[in-house]
């Protein structure tokens, strides 16, 4: 399971272009940080992928900062 960062957001890969809160997001943006409550509809429609999981090394670096 992907972990939440300090602000409660998870990084999701963008699979298809979509509009959220008046802004367009495209796959060229690579990832988008969303709250878990925002993801259900976008996941169901195939616009975003499942949350990106951090490697152990990235988790350790995040805790050190």
C-alpha atoms as a PDB file:
ATOM      1  CA  UNK A   1       0.000   0.000   0.000  1.00  0.00           C
ATOM      2  CA  UNK A   2       1.239   3.468  -0.810  1.00  0.00           C
ATOM      3  CA  UNK A   3       1.954   5.726   2.085  1.00  0.00           C
ATOM      4  CA  UNK A   4       0.596   9.204   2.535  1.00  0.00           C
ATOM      5  CA  UNK A   5       3.015  12.084   2.716  1.00  0.00           C
ATOM      6  CA  UNK A   6       2.854  14.680   5.495  1.00  0.00           C
ATOM      7  CA  UNK A   7       0.009  16.580   3.833  1.00  0.00           C
ATOM      8  CA  UNK A   8      -2.106  13.451   3.311  1.00  0.00           C
ATOM      9  CA  UNK A   9      -1.529  13.296  -0.465  1.00  0.00           C
ATOM     10  CA  UNK A  10      -0.608  10.318  -2.629  1.00  0.00           C
ATOM     11  CA  UNK A  11       1.207  10.491  -5.977  1.00  0.00           C
ATOM     12  CA  UNK A  12      -0.725   8.863  -8.834  1.00  0.00           C
ATOM     13  CA  UNK A  13       0.548   8.359 -12.395  1.00  0.00           C
ATOM     14  CA  UNK A  14      -1.551  10.160 -15.030  1.00  0.00           C
ATOM     15  CA  UNK A  15      -2.755   7.748 -17.736  1.00  0.00           C
ATOM     16  CA  UNK A  16      -5.162   9.947 -19.749  1.00  0.00           C
ATOM     17  CA  UNK A  17      -5.802  13.705 -19.932  1.00  0.00           C
ATOM     18  CA  UNK A  18      -8.475  14.948 -17.527  1.00  0.00           C
ATOM     19  CA  UNK A  19      -9.777  18.182 -16.030  1.00  0.00           C
ATOM     20  CA  UNK A  20      -9.815  18.716 -12.273  1.00  0.00           C
ATOM     21  CA  UNK A  21     -10.835  21.950 -10.544  1.00  0.00           C
ATOM     22  CA  UNK A  22     -10.694  23.930 -13.774  1.00  0.00           C
ATOM     23  CA  UNK A  23      -7.216  22.753 -14.795  1.00  0.00           C
ATOM     24  CA  UNK A  24      -6.224  20.194 -17.411  1.00  0.00           C
ATOM     25  CA  UNK A  25      -3.716  17.478 -16.449  1.00  0.00           C
ATOM     26  CA  UNK A  26      -1.983  15.485 -19.179  1.00  0.00           C
ATOM     27  CA  UNK A  27       0.195  12.352 -19.125  1.00  0.00           C
ATOM     28  CA  UNK A  28       3.175  14.636 -19.817  1.00  0.00           C
ATOM     29  CA  UNK A  29       2.799  15.833 -16.209  1.00  0.00           C
ATOM     30  CA  UNK A  30       3.710  12.247 -15.121  1.00  0.00           C
ATOM     31  CA  UNK A  31       2.103  12.273 -11.651  1.00  0.00           C
ATOM     32  CA  UNK A  32      -0.465  14.173  -9.627  1.00  0.00           C
ATOM     33  CA  UNK A  33      -0.723  14.391  -5.845  1.00  0.00           C
ATOM     34  CA  UNK A  34      -4.281  13.795  -4.653  1.00  0.00           C
ATOM     35  CA  UNK A  35      -6.099  13.141  -1.402  1.00  0.00           C
ATOM     36  CA  UNK A  36      -7.491   9.600  -1.208  1.00  0.00           C
ATOM     37  CA  UNK A  37     -11.048  10.973  -1.342  1.00  0.00           C
ATOM     38  CA  UNK A  38     -10.358  12.571  -4.758  1.00  0.00           C
ATOM     39  CA  UNK A  39      -9.101   9.413  -6.446  1.00  0.00           C
ATOM     40  CA  UNK A  40     -12.054   7.002  -6.635  1.00  0.00           C
ATOM     41  CA  UNK A  41     -13.773   8.461  -9.707  1.00  0.00           C
ATOM     42  CA  UNK A  42     -10.514   9.084 -11.595  1.00  0.00           C
ATOM     43  CA  UNK A  43      -9.278   5.537 -10.879  1.00  0.00           C
ATOM     44  CA  UNK A  44     -12.608   4.041 -11.952  1.00  0.00           C
ATOM     45  CA  UNK A  45     -12.505   5.920 -15.282  1.00  0.00           C
ATOM     46  CA  UNK A  46      -8.889   4.977 -15.979  1.00  0.00           C
ATOM     47  CA  UNK A  47      -7.608   8.555 -15.890  1.00  0.00           C
ATOM     48  CA  UNK A  48      -5.008   7.851 -13.184  1.00  0.00           C
ATOM     49  CA  UNK A  49      -3.162   4.758 -12.017  1.00  0.00           C
ATOM     50  CA  UNK A  50      -2.813   3.301  -8.557  1.00  0.00           C
ATOM     51  CA  UNK A  51      -0.645   5.284  -6.140  1.00  0.00           C
ATOM     52  CA  UNK A  52       3.074   5.157  -6.767  1.00  0.00           C
ATOM     53  CA  UNK A  53       4.944   3.287  -4.079  1.00  0.00           C
ATOM     54  CA  UNK A  54       8.155   4.662  -2.695  1.00  0.00           C
ATOM     55  CA  UNK A  55      11.237   2.493  -2.483  1.00  0.00           C
ATOM     56  CA  UNK A  56      12.836   1.917   0.917  1.00  0.00           C
ATOM     57  CA  UNK A  57      15.643   4.302  -0.023  1.00  0.00           C
ATOM     58  CA  UNK A  58      13.203   7.102  -0.939  1.00  0.00           C
ATOM     59  CA  UNK A  59      11.280   6.581   2.320  1.00  0.00           C
ATOM     60  CA  UNK A  60      14.507   6.871   4.316  1.00  0.00           C
ATOM     61  CA  UNK A  61      15.470  10.071   2.498  1.00  0.00           C
ATOM     62  CA  UNK A  62      12.018  11.552   3.137  1.00  0.00           C
ATOM     63  CA  UNK A  63      12.240  10.844   6.851  1.00  0.00           C
ATOM     64  CA  UNK A  64      15.674  12.451   7.093  1.00  0.00           C
ATOM     65  CA  UNK A  65      14.489  15.747   5.594  1.00  0.00           C
END
